[in-house]
Amino acid sequence: MKDKDFKAIALKYDIDKDKAPKVVAKGLRELGERIVKLAKESGVPIKEDKDLAEVLIKLDLYEEIPSELYYAIAEVLAYVYKINLKAEKER
C-alpha cells in the first residue's frame, strides 16, 4: 500500500428517488483501494479530492450528504457528467 491515509468514498444519487447523494461505500487503506479498483473495473468515474474525502469518510453508510457539502458534491457530479458525456460521444 502506498498511502497509509488513503480514503475512498462511493456516492450514489438517483434524482428521481433521493433528496441528496448518499454514501454507499467507504474505506480506508486496503479497503479504499479495493473500492477504487472495483470502480475502475466497472467503468465508474473517479474524482480525487482528499479534502472532500476527509469529510465524507465521517458520514455513515447510506447517509445523505449534508447541505453544507452540496456545492462540493455538485462539482463532483458535474465532473462525472462530463466524463459520461465524453464517453457517449466516443461510442
Protein backbone atom coordinates (compact mmCIF):
# COMPACT_ATOMS: atom_id res chain seq x y z
CA MET A 1 0.00 0.00 0.00
CA LYS A 2 1.33 3.39 -0.94
CA ASP A 3 -0.64 5.83 1.23
CA LYS A 4 -1.44 4.95 4.84
CA ASP A 5 -4.09 7.72 4.85
CA PHE A 6 -5.78 6.59 1.63
CA LYS A 7 -9.57 7.03 1.68
CA ALA A 8 -12.20 6.16 -0.90
CA ILE A 9 -15.88 7.03 -0.81
CA ALA A 10 -18.54 5.97 -3.31
CA LEU A 11 -21.63 8.11 -3.76
CA LYS A 12 -24.96 7.28 -5.36
CA TYR A 13 -27.59 9.75 -6.45
CA ASP A 14 -30.91 8.93 -8.08
CA ILE A 15 -32.50 12.25 -8.96
CA ASP A 16 -35.96 10.62 -9.01
CA LYS A 17 -35.67 8.99 -5.58
CA ASP A 18 -33.08 10.77 -3.47
CA LYS A 19 -33.11 14.20 -1.86
CA ALA A 20 -29.31 14.24 -1.96
CA PRO A 21 -26.44 11.93 -2.88
CA LYS A 22 -25.71 9.14 -0.39
CA VAL A 23 -22.52 7.44 0.75
CA VAL A 24 -22.85 3.83 -0.45
CA ALA A 25 -19.30 2.62 0.20
CA LYS A 26 -16.30 3.91 2.08
CA GLY A 27 -12.98 2.55 3.14
CA LEU A 28 -9.52 3.30 4.43
CA ARG A 29 -6.23 1.94 3.14
CA GLU A 30 -6.68 -1.53 1.56
CA LEU A 31 -10.48 -1.37 1.58
CA GLY A 32 -10.34 2.06 -0.06
CA GLU A 33 -8.00 0.72 -2.71
CA ARG A 34 -10.41 -2.17 -3.38
CA ILE A 35 -13.29 0.30 -3.78
CA VAL A 36 -11.28 2.26 -6.35
CA LYS A 37 -10.25 -0.93 -8.17
CA LEU A 38 -13.87 -2.11 -8.39
CA ALA A 39 -14.98 1.30 -9.59
CA LYS A 40 -12.35 1.31 -12.34
CA GLU A 41 -13.26 -2.24 -13.39
CA SER A 42 -16.93 -1.22 -13.55
CA GLY A 43 -16.29 1.95 -15.53
CA VAL A 44 -17.31 4.25 -12.69
CA PRO A 45 -15.70 7.69 -12.98
CA ILE A 46 -13.29 8.57 -10.18
CA LYS A 47 -12.60 12.08 -8.90
CA GLU A 48 -9.79 12.61 -6.43
CA ASP A 49 -10.41 15.21 -3.72
CA LYS A 50 -8.59 14.49 -0.48
CA ASP A 51 -10.26 17.32 1.45
CA LEU A 52 -13.75 16.20 0.47
CA ALA A 53 -12.86 12.56 1.20
CA GLU A 54 -11.76 13.59 4.69
CA VAL A 55 -15.26 14.95 5.38
CA LEU A 56 -17.24 12.22 3.60
CA ILE A 57 -15.44 9.35 5.34
CA LYS A 58 -17.02 10.53 8.61
CA LEU A 59 -20.56 10.02 7.29
CA ASP A 60 -22.42 6.77 7.91
CA LEU A 61 -23.17 4.38 5.06
CA TYR A 62 -26.37 5.33 3.23
CA GLU A 63 -26.36 8.74 4.93
CA GLU A 64 -27.29 11.62 2.66
CA ILE A 65 -24.62 14.23 2.33
CA PRO A 66 -25.32 17.33 4.44
CA SER A 67 -26.43 20.52 2.73
CA GLU A 68 -23.12 22.17 3.63
CA LEU A 69 -21.46 19.88 1.08
CA TYR A 70 -23.90 20.40 -1.79
CA TYR A 71 -21.59 22.75 -3.71
CA ALA A 72 -18.59 20.42 -3.42
CA ILE A 73 -20.68 17.41 -4.45
CA ALA A 74 -22.19 19.38 -7.34
CA GLU A 75 -18.65 19.83 -8.66
CA VAL A 76 -18.10 16.07 -8.45
CA LEU A 77 -21.40 15.34 -10.21
CA ALA A 78 -20.54 17.87 -12.94
CA TYR A 79 -17.20 16.10 -13.43
CA VAL A 80 -18.94 12.73 -13.72
CA TYR A 81 -21.48 14.18 -16.16
CA LYS A 82 -18.66 15.47 -18.39
CA ILE A 83 -16.86 12.12 -18.30
CA ASN A 84 -20.07 10.25 -19.18
CA LEU A 85 -20.89 12.70 -21.99
CA LYS A 86 -17.41 12.31 -23.45
CA ALA A 87 -17.71 8.52 -23.28
CA GLU A 88 -21.07 8.61 -25.07
CA LYS A 89 -19.64 10.73 -27.88
CA GLU A 90 -16.75 8.31 -28.33
CA ARG A 91 -19.09 5.32 -28.85
